[in-house]
Amino acid sequence: MSEPAPEPVAEAAPAEAAPAEAAPAEGGEAAPATEGAPEAAPAEGEAAPAAAPPVEEPPPAVEAAVPEEPKAPSPPPPPPKEPTSVPLELAVEDVSDTSVTITWRPPETIGNSGLDGYTVEICKEGTEDWKAANEDLTISCRYVIKNQTTGDRLKIRVVAMNPAGRSPPASHPEPVLVKEVGERPHIRLPRFLRQRYVANVGDKVNLTIPFSGKPKPLVTWTKDGQPLDTKKVNVRSTERDSILFIRTAEREDSGHYEMSVKVESFEDKATLILQIVELPGPPASVKVLDTWGFNVALEWTAPKDKGNTEITGYTIQKADKKTGDWFTVLEHYHRMNATISDLIMGNTYSFRVFSENKCGISEDATMAKETASILKTAIDYKPPEFKSHDFNEAPKFTTPPSDRATTVGYSTRLLASVRGYPKPKIEWIRNQMVIGEDPKYRQMFTEGICSLEIRKPGNWDGGVYTCRAKNPLGEAIATCKLEVKQPPVPESEK
């Protein structure tokens, strides 16, 4: 048998192609394959071998095969879905005659599947026929089971739902009786109605009074112990409050209104006082009691119609007959008598009085029948008698002359102050000798100040000087000393 031809070096040849076998030569030996020799023709009846690729020069170097990119590791399979844990703290919030209100808390463990909602299931006591109370899942943790039969006992449970299915149910420990829970009635009267409620005539009255109680209480109203007149007063009651409504209030609507709320044998009552007020009437009468000088005394009585409330004051006005114009003298005055002063002499006055209450001042006033005339009277003026003051006074030195010292040749002055009436006569005495009209001395006495000026005194002008003041009522004497010094001798002359 002939040896197969060697595989070509080039990688371009397909790996699946089988190498061509050389044709056998004569004599039974296979001719060696020579490079570039033509391929032998296939024998008759044999399949032609696959054509070998043309022999080319070998590449300079065989390149390393490019490594394939690593594929990302496939993610681990998702964890299996699990339902949530059981809902928590299932409790009954309220029960009525046809419904039950329940509440609960979300499950402690939600898991990776999330939470779609809750299903509330109910079953009558004694059976196991559980039915869903809600057609659609509820997200809220509070649900009202409606349309139940009064007197039934219901077993209740709540199931949390998610894609993994139902959670373990949270069941109420005891069956719930469908029946209104009794509660004693209680009226919560608003603070502003605990005292007297005041409204004006013609106002709209709309009072809302809340109350509580279960089952729905029976509400009744009375006025002064009698049923209400539905033509004047309307009452509308709900499960939580009652409204008293009066479209147009009148004084006849005033009174004590009593509200009663009753549940079975329990009852609660509340009373409110409604007072409808209006403007008062004028005072019953006004009188002028007295007139003297520029004053008039008035007195009046309370009005017959006080407007269904107390009188808070009065307003007094006056008018002069000459002009007829009214002027307010007093307002918000509480007493029932007054004195009007500062009237003008020669004028005649009329007076009227208004009443006042919470609604305001009365529309009309009551005028005094009498008028008050301020007459002109002659005035006899007698000036008061004054006694003239006796200003006579003996002379008195208020400031005696002071001792002085001077230098030979330098003039000096002695001063003193003296008072007295009549004006005293002043004499100056030197060494017990009266100084007369000697031109060496100048004597002055003005406004109680007496002075003696000694002009250029010499050594013999020193001594004791006396000032004597004399008038018919007496005399006063004051003395002082005058010292006359020698001038200092310069050192050169010494």
Protein backbone atom coordinates (compact mmCIF):
# COMPACT_ATOMS: atom_id res chain seq x y z
CA MET A 1 0.00 0.00 0.00
CA SER A 2 1.06 3.53 -0.69
CA GLU A 3 1.81 5.96 2.15
CA PRO A 4 -0.38 8.92 2.48
CA ALA A 5 0.86 12.30 1.40
CA PRO A 6 2.08 14.59 4.17
CA GLU A 7 -0.38 17.25 5.52
CA PRO A 8 0.19 20.75 4.25
CA VAL A 9 1.66 23.24 6.71
CA ALA A 10 -0.85 25.99 5.90
CA GLU A 11 -3.76 26.23 8.33
CA ALA A 12 -6.14 27.39 5.62
CA ALA A 13 -6.91 23.77 4.65
CA PRO A 14 -10.08 22.52 6.30
CA ALA A 15 -9.52 20.03 9.06
CA GLU A 16 -12.33 17.79 7.82
CA ALA A 17 -10.72 17.21 4.35
CA ALA A 18 -8.87 13.82 4.11
CA PRO A 19 -5.38 13.87 2.55
CA ALA A 20 -5.18 12.69 -1.06
CA GLU A 21 -3.45 9.35 -1.69
CA ALA A 22 -0.90 9.09 -4.45
CA ALA A 23 -1.73 6.90 -7.47
CA PRO A 24 0.23 3.61 -7.56
CA ALA A 25 2.95 3.39 -10.17
CA GLU A 26 3.61 0.43 -12.45
CA GLY A 27 5.22 -2.40 -10.66
CA GLY A 28 3.00 -1.83 -7.64
CA GLU A 29 5.09 0.90 -5.93
CA ALA A 30 3.77 4.22 -5.18
CA ALA A 31 5.48 7.12 -6.81
CA PRO A 32 6.80 9.50 -4.30
CA ALA A 33 5.03 12.80 -4.14
CA THR A 34 7.15 15.54 -5.53
CA GLU A 35 6.70 19.17 -4.80
CA GLY A 36 4.97 20.78 -7.71
CA ALA A 37 4.12 17.47 -9.45
CA PRO A 38 0.60 17.11 -10.79
CA GLU A 39 -1.79 15.06 -8.78
CA ALA A 40 -2.50 11.56 -10.04
CA ALA A 41 -5.84 11.00 -11.68
CA PRO A 42 -8.24 8.93 -9.68
CA ALA A 43 -8.80 5.37 -10.67
CA GLU A 44 -11.93 4.53 -12.57
CA GLY A 45 -14.79 3.88 -10.29
CA GLU A 46 -13.23 5.69 -7.32
CA ALA A 47 -14.31 9.04 -6.05
CA ALA A 48 -12.10 11.91 -6.88
CA PRO A 49 -10.14 13.00 -3.86
CA ALA A 50 -10.62 16.49 -2.51
CA ALA A 51 -8.55 19.04 -4.31
CA ALA A 52 -5.50 20.04 -2.28
CA PRO A 53 -4.98 23.75 -1.82
CA PRO A 54 -2.23 25.30 -3.89
CA VAL A 55 1.11 25.01 -2.26
CA GLU A 56 2.35 28.45 -1.29
CA GLU A 57 5.41 29.62 0.43
CA PRO A 58 5.20 28.97 4.13
CA PRO A 59 4.35 32.05 6.21
CA PRO A 60 7.23 33.68 7.98
CA ALA A 61 5.95 32.58 11.34
CA VAL A 62 2.98 30.86 12.79
CA GLU A 63 0.92 33.38 14.73
CA ALA A 64 -0.38 32.33 18.13
CA ALA A 65 -4.07 31.56 18.20
CA VAL A 66 -6.23 34.49 19.55
CA PRO A 67 -7.79 33.38 22.85
CA GLU A 68 -11.55 33.50 22.98
CA GLU A 69 -13.20 36.09 25.34
CA PRO A 70 -14.25 34.50 28.67
CA LYS A 71 -17.98 34.23 29.03
CA ALA A 72 -19.68 35.81 32.11
CA PRO A 73 -20.59 33.27 34.71
CA SER A 74 -24.25 32.46 34.60
CA PRO A 75 -26.25 34.01 37.60
CA PRO A 76 -27.31 31.66 40.33
CA PRO A 77 -30.91 30.62 40.15
CA PRO A 78 -33.31 33.01 42.06
CA PRO A 79 -34.26 31.92 45.55
CA PRO A 80 -37.63 30.31 45.79
CA LYS A 81 -40.56 32.63 46.53
CA GLU A 82 -41.92 32.46 50.05
CA PRO A 83 -45.17 33.78 51.54
CA THR A 84 -45.09 36.41 54.29
CA SER A 85 -45.35 35.67 57.97
CA VAL A 86 -48.64 35.87 59.79
CA PRO A 87 -50.27 39.35 60.23
CA LEU A 88 -49.97 40.72 63.77
CA GLU A 89 -52.32 41.97 66.47
CA LEU A 90 -55.71 41.30 64.92
CA ALA A 91 -58.30 43.17 67.01
CA VAL A 92 -61.93 44.31 66.84
CA GLU A 93 -62.23 48.11 66.76
CA ASP A 94 -65.99 48.56 66.62
CA VAL A 95 -69.17 46.54 66.33
CA SER A 96 -72.59 47.70 65.16
CA ASP A 97 -75.81 45.85 64.48
CA THR A 98 -74.76 45.14 60.83
CA SER A 99 -70.97 45.52 60.70
CA VAL A 100 -67.70 44.68 62.41
CA THR A 101 -64.60 46.86 62.13
CA ILE A 102 -61.25 45.11 62.58
CA THR A 103 -57.62 46.28 62.60
CA TRP A 104 -54.24 44.53 62.44
CA ARG A 105 -50.56 45.19 61.89
CA PRO A 106 -48.40 44.14 58.87
CA PRO A 107 -46.47 40.86 59.09
CA GLU A 108 -43.12 40.94 60.75
CA THR A 109 -41.44 39.23 57.74
CA ILE A 110 -42.42 40.32 54.22
CA GLY A 111 -39.72 38.41 52.28
CA ASN A 112 -38.42 39.01 48.78
CA SER A 113 -41.80 38.44 47.15
CA GLY A 114 -43.36 41.61 48.58
CA LEU A 115 -46.92 42.01 49.77
CA ASP A 116 -49.94 42.29 47.47
CA GLY A 117 -52.61 42.84 50.11
CA TYR A 118 -54.82 41.14 52.65
CA THR A 119 -57.85 38.90 52.50
CA VAL A 120 -60.38 39.07 55.32
CA GLU A 121 -62.23 35.80 55.83
CA ILE A 122 -65.27 35.16 58.00
CA CYS A 123 -67.15 32.09 59.16
CA LYS A 124 -70.21 31.68 61.34
CA GLU A 125 -69.64 30.02 64.66
CA GLY A 126 -70.26 26.27 64.54
CA THR A 127 -69.30 25.90 60.86
CA GLU A 128 -66.11 25.81 58.85
CA ASP A 129 -67.50 27.55 55.78
CA TRP A 130 -64.89 30.29 55.45
CA LYS A 131 -65.68 33.02 52.94
CA ALA A 132 -63.76 36.07 51.83
CA ALA A 133 -65.37 39.28 53.05
CA ASN A 134 -63.51 41.43 50.50
CA GLU A 135 -63.63 40.64 46.80
CA ASP A 136 -60.42 42.56 46.09
CA LEU A 137 -57.30 42.55 48.20
CA THR A 138 -57.12 45.43 50.66
CA ILE A 139 -53.88 47.26 51.35
CA SER A 140 -55.12 49.05 54.49
CA CYS A 141 -54.72 47.39 57.87
CA ARG A 142 -58.30 48.29 58.74
CA TYR A 143 -61.43 46.77 57.26
CA VAL A 144 -65.18 47.08 57.86
CA ILE A 145 -67.10 43.82 57.43
CA LYS A 146 -70.52 45.04 56.32
CA ASN A 147 -73.97 43.56 55.62
CA GLN A 148 -74.01 41.12 58.52
CA THR A 149 -77.01 39.76 60.38
CA THR A 150 -77.66 41.06 63.87
CA GLY A 151 -77.10 38.35 66.47
CA ASP A 152 -74.64 36.25 64.44
CA ARG A 153 -71.34 35.17 65.92
CA LEU A 154 -68.49 35.46 63.43
CA LYS A 155 -65.08 33.89 63.43
CA ILE A 156 -62.63 36.25 61.70
CA ARG A 157 -59.16 35.76 60.29
CA VAL A 158 -56.81 37.76 58.06
CA VAL A 159 -54.39 36.30 55.46
CA ALA A 160 -51.54 38.22 53.78
CA MET A 161 -51.15 37.52 50.03
CA ASN A 162 -48.12 37.74 47.72
CA PRO A 163 -46.94 35.93 44.56
CA ALA A 164 -45.83 32.99 46.69
CA GLY A 165 -49.33 32.48 48.00
CA ARG A 166 -51.12 32.80 51.32
CA SER A 167 -49.49 33.50 54.64
CA PRO A 168 -50.50 31.69 57.80
CA PRO A 169 -53.83 33.20 58.92
CA ALA A 170 -54.16 35.56 61.88
CA SER A 171 -57.36 34.53 63.66
CA HIS A 172 -59.34 36.41 66.28
CA PRO A 173 -59.29 34.35 69.47
CA GLU A 174 -63.05 34.54 70.06
CA PRO A 175 -66.13 34.79 67.87
CA VAL A 176 -67.52 38.33 67.56
CA LEU A 177 -71.20 38.96 68.26
CA VAL A 178 -72.77 41.28 65.66
CA LYS A 179 -74.63 43.63 67.96
CA GLU A 180 -74.48 47.33 68.75
CA VAL A 181 -72.19 47.88 71.74
CA GLY A 182 -74.11 49.85 74.32
CA GLU A 183 -72.72 53.25 75.48
CA ARG A 184 -74.29 55.60 77.97
CA PRO A 185 -75.55 58.84 76.43
CA HIS A 186 -73.62 62.01 77.12
CA ILE A 187 -74.30 65.58 75.96
CA ARG A 188 -71.24 67.78 75.33
CA LEU A 189 -72.72 71.24 75.73
CA PRO A 190 -70.44 73.91 74.14
CA ARG A 191 -68.89 76.44 76.50
CA PHE A 192 -70.71 79.47 75.04
CA LEU A 193 -74.07 77.75 75.71
CA ARG A 194 -73.36 76.99 79.36
CA GLN A 195 -74.42 80.54 80.21
CA ARG A 196 -77.21 82.68 78.81
CA TYR A 197 -77.22 82.87 75.01
CA VAL A 198 -78.35 86.33 73.83
CA ALA A 199 -79.57 87.17 70.31
CA ASN A 200 -81.33 90.17 68.82
CA VAL A 201 -84.85 90.14 67.50
CA GLY A 202 -84.81 89.14 63.83
CA ASP A 203 -81.50 87.26 64.06
CA LYS A 204 -81.05 83.67 62.88
CA VAL A 205 -80.38 81.18 65.68
CA ASN A 206 -78.45 78.03 64.74
CA LEU A 207 -77.12 76.02 67.69
CA THR A 208 -75.34 72.68 67.28
CA ILE A 209 -75.02 70.46 70.36
CA PRO A 210 -72.92 67.27 70.02
CA PHE A 211 -73.62 64.12 72.02
CA SER A 212 -72.55 60.46 72.15
CA GLY A 213 -74.20 57.13 72.89
CA LYS A 214 -74.83 53.69 71.39
CA PRO A 215 -77.09 52.55 69.91
CA LYS A 216 -78.35 55.75 68.31
CA PRO A 217 -79.88 57.76 71.18
CA LEU A 218 -83.39 59.12 71.18
CA VAL A 219 -83.25 62.94 71.22
CA THR A 220 -86.13 65.09 72.54
CA TRP A 221 -86.44 68.84 73.11
CA THR A 222 -88.71 70.87 75.38
CA LYS A 223 -89.17 74.58 76.08
CA ASP A 224 -90.09 75.59 79.62
CA GLY A 225 -91.26 72.03 80.18
CA GLN A 226 -93.51 71.95 77.08
CA PRO A 227 -92.93 70.39 73.64
CA LEU A 228 -91.45 72.69 71.01
CA ASP A 229 -93.62 74.55 68.54
CA THR A 230 -92.39 73.08 65.27
CA LYS A 231 -93.78 76.08 63.35
CA LYS A 232 -91.24 78.38 64.99
CA VAL A 233 -88.39 76.09 66.06
CA ASN A 234 -86.83 73.34 63.93
CA VAL A 235 -84.78 70.47 65.33
CA ARG A 236 -82.60 68.12 63.27
CA SER A 237 -80.75 65.27 64.97
CA THR A 238 -78.08 62.92 63.66
CA GLU A 239 -76.14 60.13 65.30
CA ARG A 240 -73.64 62.61 66.75
CA ASP A 241 -75.35 65.98 67.23
CA SER A 242 -78.63 67.85 67.36
CA ILE A 243 -79.28 71.25 65.77
CA LEU A 244 -81.75 73.83 67.13
CA PHE A 245 -82.69 76.27 64.36
CA ILE A 246 -84.85 79.42 64.45
CA ARG A 247 -85.08 81.28 61.17
CA THR A 248 -86.24 84.63 62.58
CA ALA A 249 -85.94 85.03 66.34
CA GLU A 250 -88.68 86.76 68.30
CA ARG A 251 -88.97 87.73 71.93
CA GLU A 252 -91.45 84.90 72.48
CA ASP A 253 -88.67 82.45 71.63
CA SER A 254 -86.85 83.31 74.84
CA GLY A 255 -86.91 80.65 77.55
CA HIS A 256 -85.30 77.53 79.00
CA TYR A 257 -84.67 74.85 76.37
CA GLU A 258 -83.97 71.33 77.63
CA MET A 259 -82.36 68.63 75.49
CA SER A 260 -82.73 64.97 76.50
CA VAL A 261 -80.66 62.07 75.05
CA LYS A 262 -81.84 58.56 75.97
CA VAL A 263 -80.39 55.10 75.33
CA GLU A 264 -82.46 52.26 76.79
CA SER A 265 -82.76 53.10 80.51
CA PHE A 266 -79.95 55.68 80.51
CA GLU A 267 -80.62 59.38 79.94
CA ASP A 268 -78.65 62.63 79.91
CA LYS A 269 -80.08 66.17 79.92
CA ALA A 270 -78.76 69.65 79.22
CA THR A 271 -80.45 73.04 79.63
CA LEU A 272 -79.66 76.20 77.72
CA ILE A 273 -81.16 79.66 78.28
CA LEU A 274 -82.07 81.57 75.13
CA GLN A 275 -82.74 85.30 75.47
CA ILE A 276 -83.98 87.34 72.50
CA VAL A 277 -83.54 91.08 73.09
CA GLU A 278 -84.35 94.31 71.27
CA LEU A 279 -84.07 98.08 71.73
CA PRO A 280 -85.70 99.42 74.91
CA GLY A 281 -88.49 101.94 75.14
CA PRO A 282 -87.97 105.53 76.35
CA PRO A 283 -88.11 106.46 80.05
CA ALA A 284 -91.60 106.56 81.51
CA SER A 285 -91.35 110.22 82.63
CA VAL A 286 -88.87 113.12 82.90
CA LYS A 287 -89.21 116.06 85.31
CA VAL A 288 -87.38 119.33 85.95
CA LEU A 289 -87.09 119.44 89.72
CA ASP A 290 -85.30 122.74 90.35
CA THR A 291 -83.51 125.62 88.65
CA TRP A 292 -80.96 127.82 90.38
CA GLY A 293 -78.21 130.02 89.04
CA PHE A 294 -76.85 128.31 85.94
CA ASN A 295 -77.97 124.81 87.02
CA VAL A 296 -81.01 122.56 86.49
CA ALA A 297 -81.91 119.37 88.40
CA LEU A 298 -83.57 116.55 86.39
CA GLU A 299 -85.20 113.27 87.42
CA TRP A 300 -86.73 110.41 85.35
CA THR A 301 -88.15 106.92 85.75
CA ALA A 302 -87.20 103.59 84.14
CA PRO A 303 -88.83 102.60 80.81
CA LYS A 304 -91.80 100.28 80.79
CA ASP A 305 -90.29 98.13 78.04
CA LYS A 306 -86.66 97.26 78.74
CA GLY A 307 -86.22 95.20 75.57
CA ASN A 308 -86.15 91.88 77.46
CA THR A 309 -82.85 92.77 79.13
CA GLU A 310 -81.50 95.17 81.74
CA ILE A 311 -80.98 98.89 81.12
CA THR A 312 -77.28 99.77 80.87
CA GLY A 313 -77.52 103.58 80.85
CA TYR A 314 -79.25 106.79 79.78
CA THR A 315 -78.45 109.65 77.43
CA ILE A 316 -79.53 113.23 78.37
CA GLN A 317 -79.85 116.02 75.79
CA LYS A 318 -80.68 119.73 76.02
CA ALA A 319 -82.03 122.25 73.49
CA ASP A 320 -82.20 126.06 73.58
CA LYS A 321 -85.58 127.47 72.55
CA LYS A 322 -83.88 130.07 70.36
CA THR A 323 -82.20 127.51 68.08
CA GLY A 324 -84.08 124.27 68.81
CA ASP A 325 -80.92 122.21 68.26
CA TRP A 326 -80.35 119.21 70.55
CA PHE A 327 -76.98 118.63 72.16
CA THR A 328 -75.89 115.61 74.24
CA VAL A 329 -75.03 116.58 77.80
CA LEU A 330 -74.52 113.11 79.35
CA GLU A 331 -74.32 109.61 77.83
CA HIS A 332 -74.01 106.11 79.32
CA TYR A 333 -75.27 107.69 82.54
CA HIS A 334 -76.33 105.07 85.11
CA ARG A 335 -78.25 107.09 87.68
CA MET A 336 -81.85 108.27 87.26
CA ASN A 337 -81.25 111.90 88.28
CA ALA A 338 -78.70 114.45 87.14
CA THR A 339 -77.68 118.09 87.53
CA ILE A 340 -77.07 120.01 84.30
CA SER A 341 -74.67 122.93 84.78
CA ASP A 342 -72.97 125.68 82.76
CA LEU A 343 -76.20 126.95 81.22
CA ILE A 344 -76.32 130.39 79.59
CA MET A 345 -78.03 133.23 81.35
CA GLY A 346 -81.19 134.46 79.65
CA ASN A 347 -81.88 131.21 77.73
CA THR A 348 -84.76 128.77 78.16
CA TYR A 349 -83.93 125.07 77.87
CA SER A 350 -85.83 121.85 77.17
CA PHE A 351 -84.55 118.40 78.16
CA ARG A 352 -85.12 114.84 76.93
CA VAL A 353 -83.77 111.40 77.97
CA PHE A 354 -83.04 108.18 75.97
CA SER A 355 -82.78 104.64 77.39
CA GLU A 356 -79.96 102.23 76.48
CA ASN A 357 -79.44 98.43 76.76
CA LYS A 358 -77.22 95.77 75.11
CA CYS A 359 -78.87 96.33 71.72
CA GLY A 360 -78.32 100.09 71.74
CA ILE A 361 -80.13 103.33 72.44
CA SER A 362 -83.92 103.63 72.29
CA GLU A 363 -85.43 104.98 69.11
CA ASP A 364 -87.57 107.55 70.95
CA ALA A 365 -86.92 109.82 73.90
CA THR A 366 -89.09 111.22 76.68
CA MET A 367 -89.05 115.02 76.94
CA ALA A 368 -89.72 116.92 80.17
CA LYS A 369 -92.94 118.93 80.15
CA GLU A 370 -91.31 121.73 82.11
CA THR A 371 -88.69 124.07 80.71
CA ALA A 372 -85.85 125.69 82.62
CA SER A 373 -85.23 129.45 82.26
CA ILE A 374 -81.93 130.94 83.38
CA LEU A 375 -82.96 134.47 84.48
CA LYS A 376 -80.84 137.58 84.35
CA THR A 377 -80.27 139.00 87.83
CA ALA A 378 -78.71 142.33 88.86
CA ILE A 379 -75.29 141.94 90.33
CA ASP A 380 -74.33 144.26 93.21
CA TYR A 381 -70.61 144.13 93.38
CA LYS A 382 -69.06 145.01 96.68
CA PRO A 383 -65.31 145.05 96.60
CA PRO A 384 -63.72 143.42 99.58
CA GLU A 385 -62.29 145.63 102.27
CA PHE A 386 -58.56 145.56 102.53
CA LYS A 387 -56.60 146.79 105.50
CA SER A 388 -53.42 148.61 104.60
CA HIS A 389 -50.29 147.10 106.05
CA ASP A 390 -48.33 149.18 108.54
CA PHE A 391 -44.82 149.38 107.16
CA ASN A 392 -43.48 151.69 109.92
CA GLU A 393 -40.35 150.25 111.43
CA ALA A 394 -37.43 151.52 113.53
CA PRO A 395 -34.02 151.55 111.83
CA LYS A 396 -32.15 148.23 111.86
CA PHE A 397 -28.80 147.33 110.36
CA THR A 398 -29.12 144.21 108.29
CA THR A 399 -25.39 144.33 107.37
CA PRO A 400 -23.11 146.31 109.69
CA PRO A 401 -19.91 147.94 108.29
CA SER A 402 -16.79 145.74 108.31
CA ASP A 403 -13.29 146.57 109.51
CA ARG A 404 -11.04 147.81 106.72
CA ALA A 405 -7.33 148.45 106.17
CA THR A 406 -5.87 150.84 103.57
CA THR A 407 -2.66 152.58 102.62
CA VAL A 408 -1.88 156.23 102.91
CA GLY A 409 -2.96 157.98 99.74
CA TYR A 410 -5.33 155.23 98.53
CA SER A 411 -9.08 155.98 98.78
CA THR A 412 -11.33 153.48 100.54
CA ARG A 413 -15.04 153.01 101.25
CA LEU A 414 -17.10 151.77 104.23
CA LEU A 415 -20.41 150.05 103.46
CA ALA A 416 -23.47 149.01 105.48
CA SER A 417 -27.14 148.17 104.83
CA VAL A 418 -30.00 149.39 106.96
CA ARG A 419 -33.79 149.25 106.78
CA GLY A 420 -36.53 151.24 108.41
CA TYR A 421 -39.65 153.28 107.67
CA PRO A 422 -39.88 156.21 107.43
CA LYS A 423 -36.53 156.45 105.72
CA PRO A 424 -33.91 156.92 108.39
CA LYS A 425 -31.31 159.73 108.43
CA ILE A 426 -27.71 158.50 108.27
CA GLU A 427 -24.79 160.09 110.15
CA TRP A 428 -21.17 158.98 110.15
CA ILE A 429 -18.96 159.60 113.23
CA ARG A 430 -15.12 159.32 113.39
CA ASN A 431 -13.58 158.93 116.80
CA GLN A 432 -16.78 160.27 118.42
CA MET A 433 -16.79 163.34 116.19
CA VAL A 434 -19.59 163.83 113.66
CA ILE A 435 -18.35 164.05 110.11
CA GLY A 436 -20.13 166.98 108.62
CA GLU A 437 -19.82 168.42 105.13
CA ASP A 438 -16.09 167.81 105.02
CA PRO A 439 -15.18 167.50 101.32
CA LYS A 440 -12.65 164.81 102.22
CA TYR A 441 -15.58 162.46 102.90
CA ARG A 442 -18.39 161.53 100.54
CA GLN A 443 -21.61 160.12 102.12
CA MET A 444 -24.33 158.28 100.15
CA PHE A 445 -27.59 156.45 101.11
CA THR A 446 -29.53 154.69 98.31
CA GLU A 447 -32.01 151.78 98.45
CA GLY A 448 -31.03 150.94 102.02
CA ILE A 449 -27.28 150.96 101.28
CA CYS A 450 -25.25 153.60 103.08
CA SER A 451 -21.60 154.25 102.20
CA LEU A 452 -18.76 156.53 103.35
CA GLU A 453 -15.91 157.20 100.91
CA ILE A 454 -12.63 158.46 102.37
CA ARG A 455 -10.54 160.19 99.71
CA LYS A 456 -6.75 159.74 99.94
CA PRO A 457 -6.61 159.11 103.66
CA GLY A 458 -3.61 160.20 105.72
CA ASN A 459 -2.10 158.89 108.91
CA TRP A 460 -4.64 160.77 111.03
CA ASP A 461 -7.71 159.33 109.18
CA GLY A 462 -7.53 155.95 110.91
CA GLY A 463 -9.67 155.10 113.94
CA VAL A 464 -13.19 153.97 114.87
CA TYR A 465 -16.02 154.92 112.51
CA THR A 466 -19.66 154.76 113.62
CA CYS A 467 -22.77 154.74 111.42
CA ARG A 468 -25.96 155.99 113.06
CA ALA A 469 -29.42 155.58 111.52
CA LYS A 470 -32.29 157.57 113.05
CA ASN A 471 -36.03 158.00 112.33
CA PRO A 472 -39.05 158.92 114.47
CA LEU A 473 -39.36 155.34 115.71
CA GLY A 474 -35.79 155.01 116.99
CA GLU A 475 -32.18 154.78 115.98
CA ALA A 476 -29.50 152.11 115.35
CA ILE A 477 -25.71 152.30 115.61
CA ALA A 478 -23.00 150.13 113.99
CA THR A 479 -19.20 150.63 114.29
CA CYS A 480 -16.04 149.46 112.50
CA LYS A 481 -12.28 150.17 112.50
CA LEU A 482 -10.17 151.67 109.76
CA GLU A 483 -6.41 151.14 109.73
CA VAL A 484 -4.24 153.39 107.55
CA LYS A 485 -0.80 151.93 106.79
CA GLN A 486 2.35 153.62 105.57
CA PRO A 487 3.44 152.76 102.00
CA PRO A 488 6.54 150.53 101.75
CA VAL A 489 9.94 152.39 101.30
CA PRO A 490 12.12 151.18 98.40
CA GLU A 491 15.55 149.69 99.33
CA SER A 492 17.36 152.41 97.37
CA GLU A 493 15.89 155.14 99.53
CA LYS A 494 16.79 153.28 102.68
